[in-house]
N, C-alpha and C. Protein backbone atom coordinates (compact mmCIF):
# COMPACT_ATOMS: atom_id res chain seq x y z
N MET A 1 0.85 -1.18 0.00
CA MET A 1 0.00 0.00 0.00
C MET A 1 0.90 1.24 0.00
N SER A 2 0.59 2.19 -0.85
CA SER A 2 1.41 3.40 -0.92
C SER A 2 1.19 4.26 0.32
N HIS A 3 2.15 5.14 0.56
CA HIS A 3 2.10 6.04 1.72
C HIS A 3 0.81 6.87 1.70
N THR A 4 0.46 7.43 0.54
CA THR A 4 -0.74 8.28 0.42
C THR A 4 -2.00 7.47 0.69
N ASN A 5 -2.09 6.25 0.15
CA ASN A 5 -3.27 5.41 0.39
C ASN A 5 -3.39 5.03 1.86
N ARG A 6 -2.25 4.75 2.51
CA ARG A 6 -2.28 4.37 3.93
C ARG A 6 -2.81 5.53 4.76
N ILE A 7 -2.36 6.74 4.47
CA ILE A 7 -2.85 7.92 5.20
C ILE A 7 -4.35 8.08 4.97
N ARG A 8 -4.79 7.95 3.73
CA ARG A 8 -6.22 8.11 3.42
C ARG A 8 -7.07 7.06 4.12
N ASP A 9 -6.56 5.83 4.23
CA ASP A 9 -7.33 4.75 4.85
C ASP A 9 -7.26 4.74 6.37
N THR A 10 -6.23 5.35 6.95
CA THR A 10 -6.00 5.28 8.39
C THR A 10 -6.63 6.45 9.15
N TYR A 11 -6.64 7.63 8.55
CA TYR A 11 -7.03 8.84 9.27
C TYR A 11 -8.30 9.47 8.70
N SER A 12 -9.02 10.20 9.56
CA SER A 12 -10.19 10.95 9.11
C SER A 12 -9.73 12.14 8.26
N GLU A 13 -10.67 12.78 7.60
CA GLU A 13 -10.33 13.94 6.76
C GLU A 13 -9.66 15.04 7.59
N SER A 14 -10.20 15.34 8.76
CA SER A 14 -9.61 16.37 9.62
C SER A 14 -8.20 15.98 10.05
N GLN A 15 -8.01 14.72 10.39
CA GLN A 15 -6.69 14.25 10.80
C GLN A 15 -5.70 14.34 9.66
N ARG A 16 -6.14 14.02 8.44
CA ARG A 16 -5.25 14.13 7.28
C ARG A 16 -4.83 15.58 7.06
N LYS A 17 -5.79 16.51 7.15
CA LYS A 17 -5.47 17.93 6.98
C LYS A 17 -4.43 18.37 8.01
N ILE A 18 -4.64 17.96 9.25
CA ILE A 18 -3.73 18.34 10.33
C ILE A 18 -2.34 17.74 10.10
N LEU A 19 -2.29 16.47 9.71
CA LEU A 19 -1.00 15.83 9.44
C LEU A 19 -0.24 16.54 8.33
N TYR A 20 -0.91 16.85 7.24
CA TYR A 20 -0.24 17.55 6.14
C TYR A 20 0.25 18.92 6.60
N TYR A 21 -0.56 19.61 7.40
CA TYR A 21 -0.17 20.92 7.94
C TYR A 21 1.10 20.78 8.80
N LEU A 22 1.10 19.79 9.68
CA LEU A 22 2.26 19.59 10.56
C LEU A 22 3.50 19.23 9.75
N LYS A 23 3.35 18.37 8.75
CA LYS A 23 4.51 17.97 7.94
C LYS A 23 5.07 19.15 7.16
N ARG A 24 4.20 20.02 6.64
CA ARG A 24 4.68 21.23 5.96
C ARG A 24 5.44 22.11 6.93
N GLY A 25 4.93 22.23 8.15
CA GLY A 25 5.62 23.02 9.17
C GLY A 25 6.97 22.43 9.53
N LEU A 26 7.03 21.12 9.67
CA LEU A 26 8.31 20.46 9.96
C LEU A 26 9.31 20.69 8.84
N ASP A 27 8.84 20.65 7.60
CA ASP A 27 9.72 20.90 6.45
C ASP A 27 10.31 22.31 6.49
N LYS A 28 9.59 23.23 7.15
CA LYS A 28 10.07 24.62 7.29
C LYS A 28 10.87 24.82 8.57
N GLY A 29 11.07 23.75 9.33
CA GLY A 29 11.87 23.83 10.54
C GLY A 29 11.09 24.11 11.82
N LYS A 30 9.76 24.12 11.74
CA LYS A 30 8.94 24.34 12.93
C LYS A 30 8.77 23.05 13.71
N HIS A 31 8.68 23.17 15.03
CA HIS A 31 8.43 22.00 15.88
C HIS A 31 7.33 22.24 16.90
N TYR A 32 6.86 23.49 17.02
CA TYR A 32 5.81 23.82 17.98
C TYR A 32 4.65 24.46 17.24
N PHE A 33 3.45 23.99 17.56
CA PHE A 33 2.25 24.43 16.86
C PHE A 33 1.14 24.69 17.87
N LYS A 34 0.44 25.81 17.74
CA LYS A 34 -0.69 26.12 18.61
C LYS A 34 -1.99 25.67 17.94
N SER A 35 -2.85 25.04 18.71
CA SER A 35 -4.13 24.55 18.19
C SER A 35 -4.92 25.65 17.50
N LYS A 36 -4.97 26.84 18.10
CA LYS A 36 -5.81 27.90 17.53
C LYS A 36 -5.30 28.36 16.17
N TYR A 37 -3.99 28.33 15.95
CA TYR A 37 -3.45 28.75 14.65
C TYR A 37 -3.66 27.67 13.59
N ILE A 38 -3.53 26.42 13.99
CA ILE A 38 -3.82 25.31 13.07
C ILE A 38 -5.29 25.41 12.66
N ALA A 39 -6.17 25.61 13.65
CA ALA A 39 -7.61 25.70 13.39
C ALA A 39 -7.93 26.82 12.42
N LYS A 40 -7.37 27.98 12.65
CA LYS A 40 -7.63 29.14 11.79
C LYS A 40 -7.16 28.86 10.37
N GLU A 41 -6.00 28.29 10.23
CA GLU A 41 -5.41 28.00 8.91
C GLU A 41 -6.22 26.95 8.14
N LEU A 42 -6.75 25.96 8.86
CA LEU A 42 -7.44 24.84 8.20
C LEU A 42 -8.96 24.95 8.20
N GLY A 43 -9.51 25.98 8.83
CA GLY A 43 -10.96 26.14 8.87
C GLY A 43 -11.64 25.15 9.80
N LEU A 44 -10.94 24.76 10.86
CA LEU A 44 -11.49 23.86 11.87
C LEU A 44 -11.63 24.62 13.18
N SER A 45 -12.32 24.05 14.15
CA SER A 45 -12.39 24.67 15.48
C SER A 45 -11.15 24.27 16.28
N PRO A 46 -10.71 25.11 17.21
CA PRO A 46 -9.57 24.74 18.06
C PRO A 46 -9.83 23.44 18.83
N LYS A 47 -11.08 23.24 19.26
CA LYS A 47 -11.43 22.00 19.98
C LYS A 47 -11.27 20.78 19.07
N GLU A 48 -11.71 20.90 17.82
CA GLU A 48 -11.58 19.81 16.86
C GLU A 48 -10.10 19.49 16.61
N VAL A 49 -9.28 20.53 16.50
CA VAL A 49 -7.85 20.33 16.30
C VAL A 49 -7.25 19.63 17.52
N GLY A 50 -7.57 20.12 18.72
CA GLY A 50 -7.03 19.52 19.94
C GLY A 50 -7.43 18.07 20.10
N THR A 51 -8.69 17.76 19.84
CA THR A 51 -9.17 16.39 19.95
C THR A 51 -8.44 15.48 18.96
N ASN A 52 -8.31 15.94 17.72
CA ASN A 52 -7.65 15.12 16.71
C ASN A 52 -6.15 15.00 16.96
N LEU A 53 -5.51 16.05 17.47
CA LEU A 53 -4.09 15.94 17.79
C LEU A 53 -3.86 14.94 18.92
N ALA A 54 -4.76 14.92 19.90
CA ALA A 54 -4.63 13.94 20.98
C ALA A 54 -4.75 12.52 20.43
N ILE A 55 -5.65 12.31 19.49
CA ILE A 55 -5.79 11.00 18.85
C ILE A 55 -4.53 10.68 18.04
N LEU A 56 -4.08 11.65 17.25
CA LEU A 56 -2.89 11.44 16.44
C LEU A 56 -1.65 11.15 17.30
N ALA A 57 -1.59 11.77 18.47
CA ALA A 57 -0.45 11.52 19.37
C ALA A 57 -0.38 10.05 19.74
N GLU A 58 -1.53 9.38 19.77
CA GLU A 58 -1.59 7.96 20.13
C GLU A 58 -1.38 7.03 18.94
N ILE A 59 -1.86 7.42 17.75
CA ILE A 59 -1.88 6.47 16.64
C ILE A 59 -0.91 6.77 15.51
N CYS A 60 -0.39 7.98 15.43
CA CYS A 60 0.47 8.34 14.30
C CYS A 60 1.86 7.71 14.47
N GLU A 61 2.24 6.92 13.49
CA GLU A 61 3.53 6.24 13.53
C GLU A 61 4.67 7.09 13.00
N GLU A 62 4.36 8.13 12.24
CA GLU A 62 5.38 8.94 11.58
C GLU A 62 5.86 10.12 12.42
N LEU A 63 4.96 10.65 13.25
CA LEU A 63 5.29 11.85 14.03
C LEU A 63 5.14 11.59 15.51
N ASP A 64 6.03 12.19 16.28
CA ASP A 64 5.93 12.18 17.74
C ASP A 64 5.24 13.47 18.13
N ILE A 65 3.99 13.38 18.55
CA ILE A 65 3.16 14.55 18.88
C ILE A 65 2.88 14.53 20.37
N SER A 66 3.19 15.66 21.05
CA SER A 66 2.92 15.71 22.49
C SER A 66 2.47 17.12 22.88
N ARG A 67 1.58 17.15 23.90
CA ARG A 67 1.16 18.44 24.45
C ARG A 67 2.37 19.07 25.12
N TRP A 68 2.58 20.33 24.85
CA TRP A 68 3.76 20.99 25.36
C TRP A 68 3.41 22.08 26.37
N SER A 69 2.39 22.87 26.09
CA SER A 69 2.04 24.00 26.95
C SER A 69 0.55 24.30 26.79
N TYR A 70 -0.03 24.91 27.83
CA TYR A 70 -1.45 25.22 27.80
C TYR A 70 -1.75 26.71 27.86
N SER A 71 -0.76 27.56 27.73
CA SER A 71 -1.02 29.00 27.86
C SER A 71 -1.65 29.57 26.60
N ASN A 72 -2.83 30.16 26.74
CA ASN A 72 -3.52 30.87 25.66
C ASN A 72 -3.82 29.99 24.44
N SER A 73 -3.88 28.73 24.59
CA SER A 73 -4.17 27.73 23.56
C SER A 73 -3.12 26.63 23.73
N THR A 74 -3.52 25.42 23.49
CA THR A 74 -2.58 24.31 23.65
C THR A 74 -1.49 24.39 22.59
N THR A 75 -0.26 24.27 23.03
CA THR A 75 0.87 24.18 22.11
C THR A 75 1.30 22.72 22.05
N TRP A 76 1.54 22.26 20.85
CA TRP A 76 1.95 20.88 20.61
C TRP A 76 3.36 20.85 20.08
N ARG A 77 4.17 19.93 20.60
CA ARG A 77 5.51 19.72 20.06
C ARG A 77 5.42 18.54 19.10
N VAL A 78 5.97 18.74 17.91
CA VAL A 78 5.91 17.71 16.89
C VAL A 78 7.31 17.45 16.35
N LEU A 79 7.68 16.19 16.35
CA LEU A 79 8.99 15.76 15.83
C LEU A 79 8.77 14.53 14.96
N PRO A 80 9.63 14.35 13.97
CA PRO A 80 9.56 13.08 13.23
C PRO A 80 9.90 11.94 14.18
N ARG A 81 9.27 10.81 14.04
CA ARG A 81 9.58 9.65 14.89
C ARG A 81 11.06 9.30 14.71
N GLY A 82 11.69 8.97 15.82
CA GLY A 82 13.09 8.60 15.77
C GLY A 82 14.03 9.78 15.89
N ALA A 83 13.49 11.01 15.96
CA ALA A 83 14.35 12.20 16.06
C ALA A 83 14.70 12.46 17.52
C-alpha cells in the first residue's frame, strides 16, 4: 500500500489535513504548533484540532506529537519519529 493510500485509509479527513499541515511546518523547521493557529489555517475549530491531535499523538507512527504548553491555547511539540 502506498504512503498516500495508507494515510487516506487510516485517518479521518480532519486528521489528514492536520497531518499535512504539521509535515509542511516540519519541512520549514517548525516544531511547535498552537491549536488555535492550526484551526484558523485549516478552517477547523480549536477543539476539533485539539481532539484530533490527541488522537494522532496515540496512533500516528510517523510523528511524535505531544502536548507541550497550555497558555492561551494548547501548544503541541511535533517531531519526526526517531528524532
